[in-house]
Amino acid sequence: MGVELIIPFKNGVSDFKKWSSKADKSYGEWETKYPKWDELYQLAKALIEGLTVERWNDELIKDFLYILARDNEVENIIEQLIELPNQLLSLAKYAITYKDADAKWQIAYGLGEISEEKLSSRILLNEFLKDNQEYVRRRASSALDKHT
């Protein structure tokens, strides 16, 4: 069932959350100081390559979107997702209602970078255009322009 992928990823996210609870967040790029990003990138990549999003539970989806949002400066995880368009499209359906704009704008950006499933991407991007965060709407608009 992918437990060998899920448990290490969830442990990696938990480690990040523990670290972040003590991190200095007085500046905008505080997440980049996390010393185990390389490990988290490997765990995220293994998860998205090894287990379809349709098989993830809600908690795993939220953890993934959380860590994607925290990677908003380097954007390594969204680049991994762009390489797997079906996974990106599947996650986008959940990201629309996710609370963190830093996950949403990255997903919207990613949808603009894939050439597969243009109709599905446009439908999803139109949902992101309704977001209450201006930056999410701008990234969705820019991505949508690439599919017209």
C-alpha atoms as a PDB file:
ATOM      1  CA  MET A   1       0.000   0.000   0.000  1.00  0.00           C
ATOM      2  CA  GLY A   2       2.978   2.333  -0.044  1.00  0.00           C
ATOM      3  CA  VAL A   3       3.573   2.394   3.706  1.00  0.00           C
ATOM      4  CA  GLU A   4       7.299   2.257   2.967  1.00  0.00           C
ATOM      5  CA  LEU A   5       6.884   5.609   1.167  1.00  0.00           C
ATOM      6  CA  ILE A   6       4.276   7.223   3.403  1.00  0.00           C
ATOM      7  CA  ILE A   7       5.843   6.720   6.839  1.00  0.00           C
ATOM      8  CA  PRO A   8       9.266   8.191   5.977  1.00  0.00           C
ATOM      9  CA  PHE A   9       7.599  11.159   4.268  1.00  0.00           C
ATOM     10  CA  LYS A  10       5.285  11.809   7.224  1.00  0.00           C
ATOM     11  CA  ASN A  11       8.261  11.533   9.589  1.00  0.00           C
ATOM     12  CA  GLY A  12      10.148  14.061   7.440  1.00  0.00           C
ATOM     13  CA  VAL A  13       7.234  16.493   7.590  1.00  0.00           C
ATOM     14  CA  SER A  14       6.970  15.966  11.346  1.00  0.00           C
ATOM     15  CA  ASP A  15      10.684  16.738  11.739  1.00  0.00           C
ATOM     16  CA  PHE A  16      10.215  19.925   9.728  1.00  0.00           C
ATOM     17  CA  LYS A  17       7.265  20.980  11.880  1.00  0.00           C
ATOM     18  CA  LYS A  18       9.281  20.390  15.060  1.00  0.00           C
ATOM     19  CA  TRP A  19      12.166  22.417  13.666  1.00  0.00           C
ATOM     20  CA  SER A  20       9.832  25.197  12.479  1.00  0.00           C
ATOM     21  CA  SER A  21       8.224  25.528  15.904  1.00  0.00           C
ATOM     22  CA  LYS A  22      11.585  26.819  17.159  1.00  0.00           C
ATOM     23  CA  ALA A  23      12.784  28.577  13.998  1.00  0.00           C
ATOM     24  CA  ASP A  24      13.277  32.320  13.743  1.00  0.00           C
ATOM     25  CA  LYS A  25      10.396  33.454  11.527  1.00  0.00           C
ATOM     26  CA  SER A  26      11.204  37.147  11.699  1.00  0.00           C
ATOM     27  CA  TYR A  27      12.148  37.211   8.005  1.00  0.00           C
ATOM     28  CA  GLY A  28      10.404  35.990   4.869  1.00  0.00           C
ATOM     29  CA  GLU A  29      12.673  33.134   3.838  1.00  0.00           C
ATOM     30  CA  TRP A  30      12.948  31.366   7.187  1.00  0.00           C
ATOM     31  CA  GLU A  31      12.055  27.967   5.685  1.00  0.00           C
ATOM     32  CA  THR A  32      15.226  27.906   3.592  1.00  0.00           C
ATOM     33  CA  LYS A  33      17.304  27.500   6.759  1.00  0.00           C
ATOM     34  CA  TYR A  34      15.925  24.003   7.411  1.00  0.00           C
ATOM     35  CA  PRO A  35      18.983  21.724   7.425  1.00  0.00           C
ATOM     36  CA  LYS A  36      17.241  18.606   6.063  1.00  0.00           C
ATOM     37  CA  TRP A  37      15.678  19.905   2.844  1.00  0.00           C
ATOM     38  CA  ASP A  38      17.641  17.463   0.675  1.00  0.00           C
ATOM     39  CA  GLU A  39      16.198  14.553   2.621  1.00  0.00           C
ATOM     40  CA  LEU A  40      12.672  15.978   2.361  1.00  0.00           C
ATOM     41  CA  TYR A  41      13.091  16.470  -1.398  1.00  0.00           C
ATOM     42  CA  GLN A  42      14.095  12.831  -1.777  1.00  0.00           C
ATOM     43  CA  LEU A  43      11.140  11.671   0.329  1.00  0.00           C
ATOM     44  CA  ALA A  44       8.700  13.836  -1.635  1.00  0.00           C
ATOM     45  CA  LYS A  45      10.074  12.569  -4.935  1.00  0.00           C
ATOM     46  CA  ALA A  46       9.849   8.939  -3.830  1.00  0.00           C
ATOM     47  CA  LEU A  47       6.255   9.475  -2.727  1.00  0.00           C
ATOM     48  CA  ILE A  48       5.026  11.142  -5.908  1.00  0.00           C
ATOM     49  CA  GLU A  49       6.880   8.652  -8.102  1.00  0.00           C
ATOM     50  CA  GLY A  50       5.790   5.610  -6.137  1.00  0.00           C
ATOM     51  CA  LEU A  51       2.179   6.162  -5.106  1.00  0.00           C
ATOM     52  CA  THR A  52      -0.607   7.859  -7.040  1.00  0.00           C
ATOM     53  CA  VAL A  53      -2.318  10.752  -5.286  1.00  0.00           C
ATOM     54  CA  GLU A  54      -5.614   8.878  -5.608  1.00  0.00           C
ATOM     55  CA  ARG A  55      -4.254   6.396  -3.077  1.00  0.00           C
ATOM     56  CA  TRP A  56      -3.276   9.100  -0.547  1.00  0.00           C
ATOM     57  CA  ASN A  57      -5.519   9.823   2.424  1.00  0.00           C
ATOM     58  CA  ASP A  58      -6.555  13.358   3.414  1.00  0.00           C
ATOM     59  CA  GLU A  59      -3.850  13.650   6.060  1.00  0.00           C
ATOM     60  CA  LEU A  60      -1.103  12.738   3.595  1.00  0.00           C
ATOM     61  CA  ILE A  61      -2.453  15.216   1.037  1.00  0.00           C
ATOM     62  CA  LYS A  62      -2.466  17.975   3.668  1.00  0.00           C
ATOM     63  CA  ASP A  63       1.090  17.093   4.745  1.00  0.00           C
ATOM     64  CA  PHE A  64       2.267  17.170   1.149  1.00  0.00           C
ATOM     65  CA  LEU A  65       0.600  20.510   0.426  1.00  0.00           C
ATOM     66  CA  TYR A  66       2.022  21.864   3.700  1.00  0.00           C
ATOM     67  CA  ILE A  67       5.603  20.947   2.776  1.00  0.00           C
ATOM     68  CA  LEU A  68       5.069  22.188  -0.784  1.00  0.00           C
ATOM     69  CA  ALA A  69       3.996  25.537   0.664  1.00  0.00           C
ATOM     70  CA  ARG A  70       7.084  25.695   2.881  1.00  0.00           C
ATOM     71  CA  ASP A  71       9.263  25.074  -0.195  1.00  0.00           C
ATOM     72  CA  ASN A  72       7.945  28.291  -1.754  1.00  0.00           C
ATOM     73  CA  GLU A  73      11.339  29.946  -2.128  1.00  0.00           C
ATOM     74  CA  VAL A  74      13.313  27.130  -3.752  1.00  0.00           C
ATOM     75  CA  GLU A  75      10.336  25.468  -5.504  1.00  0.00           C
ATOM     76  CA  ASN A  76      12.049  22.104  -5.820  1.00  0.00           C
ATOM     77  CA  ILE A  77       8.926  20.088  -4.986  1.00  0.00           C
ATOM     78  CA  ILE A  78       6.735  21.825  -7.577  1.00  0.00           C
ATOM     79  CA  GLU A  79       9.420  21.108 -10.168  1.00  0.00           C
ATOM     80  CA  GLN A  80       9.217  17.428  -9.215  1.00  0.00           C
ATOM     81  CA  LEU A  81       5.445  17.554  -9.681  1.00  0.00           C
ATOM     82  CA  ILE A  82       5.730  19.226 -13.087  1.00  0.00           C
ATOM     83  CA  GLU A  83       7.689  16.175 -14.213  1.00  0.00           C
ATOM     84  CA  LEU A  84       4.659  14.033 -13.246  1.00  0.00           C
ATOM     85  CA  PRO A  85       1.672  15.886 -14.738  1.00  0.00           C
ATOM     86  CA  ASN A  86      -0.951  13.361 -13.631  1.00  0.00           C
ATOM     87  CA  GLN A  87       0.182  13.701 -10.022  1.00  0.00           C
ATOM     88  CA  LEU A  88       0.141  17.495 -10.320  1.00  0.00           C
ATOM     89  CA  LEU A  89      -3.373  17.459 -11.774  1.00  0.00           C
ATOM     90  CA  SER A  90      -4.582  15.169  -9.001  1.00  0.00           C
ATOM     91  CA  LEU A  91      -3.085  17.347  -6.259  1.00  0.00           C
ATOM     92  CA  ALA A  92      -4.467  20.494  -7.863  1.00  0.00           C
ATOM     93  CA  LYS A  93      -8.000  19.293  -7.168  1.00  0.00           C
ATOM     94  CA  TYR A  94      -7.200  19.313  -3.447  1.00  0.00           C
ATOM     95  CA  ALA A  95      -5.093  22.460  -3.496  1.00  0.00           C
ATOM     96  CA  ILE A  96      -8.036  24.583  -4.658  1.00  0.00           C
ATOM     97  CA  THR A  97      -9.559  24.405  -1.164  1.00  0.00           C
ATOM     98  CA  TYR A  98      -6.286  24.200   0.783  1.00  0.00           C
ATOM     99  CA  LYS A  99      -5.737  27.038   3.249  1.00  0.00           C
ATOM    100  CA  ASP A 100      -2.161  28.042   2.373  1.00  0.00           C
ATOM    101  CA  ALA A 101      -1.720  30.376  -0.591  1.00  0.00           C
ATOM    102  CA  ASP A 102       1.943  29.354  -0.930  1.00  0.00           C
ATOM    103  CA  ALA A 103       0.808  25.869  -1.970  1.00  0.00           C
ATOM    104  CA  LYS A 104      -1.949  27.190  -4.217  1.00  0.00           C
ATOM    105  CA  TRP A 105       0.138  29.590  -6.274  1.00  0.00           C
ATOM    106  CA  GLN A 106       2.797  26.946  -6.850  1.00  0.00           C
ATOM    107  CA  ILE A 107       0.210  24.437  -8.067  1.00  0.00           C
ATOM    108  CA  ALA A 108      -1.294  27.101 -10.347  1.00  0.00           C
ATOM    109  CA  TYR A 109       2.174  27.875 -11.703  1.00  0.00           C
ATOM    110  CA  GLY A 110       2.835  24.169 -12.238  1.00  0.00           C
ATOM    111  CA  LEU A 111      -0.378  23.724 -14.207  1.00  0.00           C
ATOM    112  CA  GLY A 112       0.869  26.368 -16.614  1.00  0.00           C
ATOM    113  CA  GLU A 113       4.091  24.447 -17.154  1.00  0.00           C
ATOM    114  CA  ILE A 114       2.588  21.150 -18.281  1.00  0.00           C
ATOM    115  CA  SER A 115       1.462  20.464 -21.826  1.00  0.00           C
ATOM    116  CA  GLU A 116      -0.645  17.422 -20.974  1.00  0.00           C
ATOM    117  CA  GLU A 117      -4.352  17.650 -20.204  1.00  0.00           C
ATOM    118  CA  LYS A 118      -4.757  21.281 -21.221  1.00  0.00           C
ATOM    119  CA  LEU A 119      -8.534  21.211 -20.747  1.00  0.00           C
ATOM    120  CA  SER A 120      -8.208  19.807 -17.217  1.00  0.00           C
ATOM    121  CA  SER A 121      -5.533  22.382 -16.431  1.00  0.00           C
ATOM    122  CA  ARG A 122      -7.731  25.226 -17.700  1.00  0.00           C
ATOM    123  CA  ILE A 123     -10.693  24.032 -15.629  1.00  0.00           C
ATOM    124  CA  LEU A 124      -8.538  23.871 -12.489  1.00  0.00           C
ATOM    125  CA  LEU A 125      -6.870  27.215 -13.189  1.00  0.00           C
ATOM    126  CA  ASN A 126     -10.269  28.842 -13.533  1.00  0.00           C
ATOM    127  CA  GLU A 127     -10.962  27.688  -9.970  1.00  0.00           C
ATOM    128  CA  PHE A 128      -7.699  29.248  -8.767  1.00  0.00           C
ATOM    129  CA  LEU A 129      -8.783  32.511 -10.430  1.00  0.00           C
ATOM    130  CA  LYS A 130     -11.547  32.688  -7.799  1.00  0.00           C
ATOM    131  CA  ASP A 131      -9.115  32.501  -4.880  1.00  0.00           C
ATOM    132  CA  ASN A 132      -9.244  35.267  -2.278  1.00  0.00           C
ATOM    133  CA  GLN A 133      -5.446  35.772  -2.466  1.00  0.00           C
ATOM    134  CA  GLU A 134      -4.370  38.106  -5.235  1.00  0.00           C
ATOM    135  CA  TYR A 135      -1.031  36.352  -5.814  1.00  0.00           C
ATOM    136  CA  VAL A 136      -2.776  33.015  -6.369  1.00  0.00           C
ATOM    137  CA  ARG A 137      -5.095  34.681  -8.891  1.00  0.00           C
ATOM    138  CA  ARG A 138      -2.168  36.328 -10.692  1.00  0.00           C
ATOM    139  CA  ARG A 139      -0.225  33.068 -10.947  1.00  0.00           C
ATOM    140  CA  ALA A 140      -3.344  31.271 -12.170  1.00  0.00           C
ATOM    141  CA  SER A 141      -3.969  33.966 -14.776  1.00  0.00           C
ATOM    142  CA  SER A 142      -0.390  33.777 -16.004  1.00  0.00           C
ATOM    143  CA  ALA A 143      -0.597  29.974 -16.177  1.00  0.00           C
ATOM    144  CA  LEU A 144      -3.905  30.121 -17.996  1.00  0.00           C
ATOM    145  CA  ASP A 145      -2.362  32.386 -20.643  1.00  0.00           C
ATOM    146  CA  LYS A 146       0.049  29.558 -21.474  1.00  0.00           C
ATOM    147  CA  HIS A 147      -2.867  27.231 -22.287  1.00  0.00           C
ATOM    148  CA  THR A 148      -4.760  29.514 -24.661  1.00  0.00           C
END
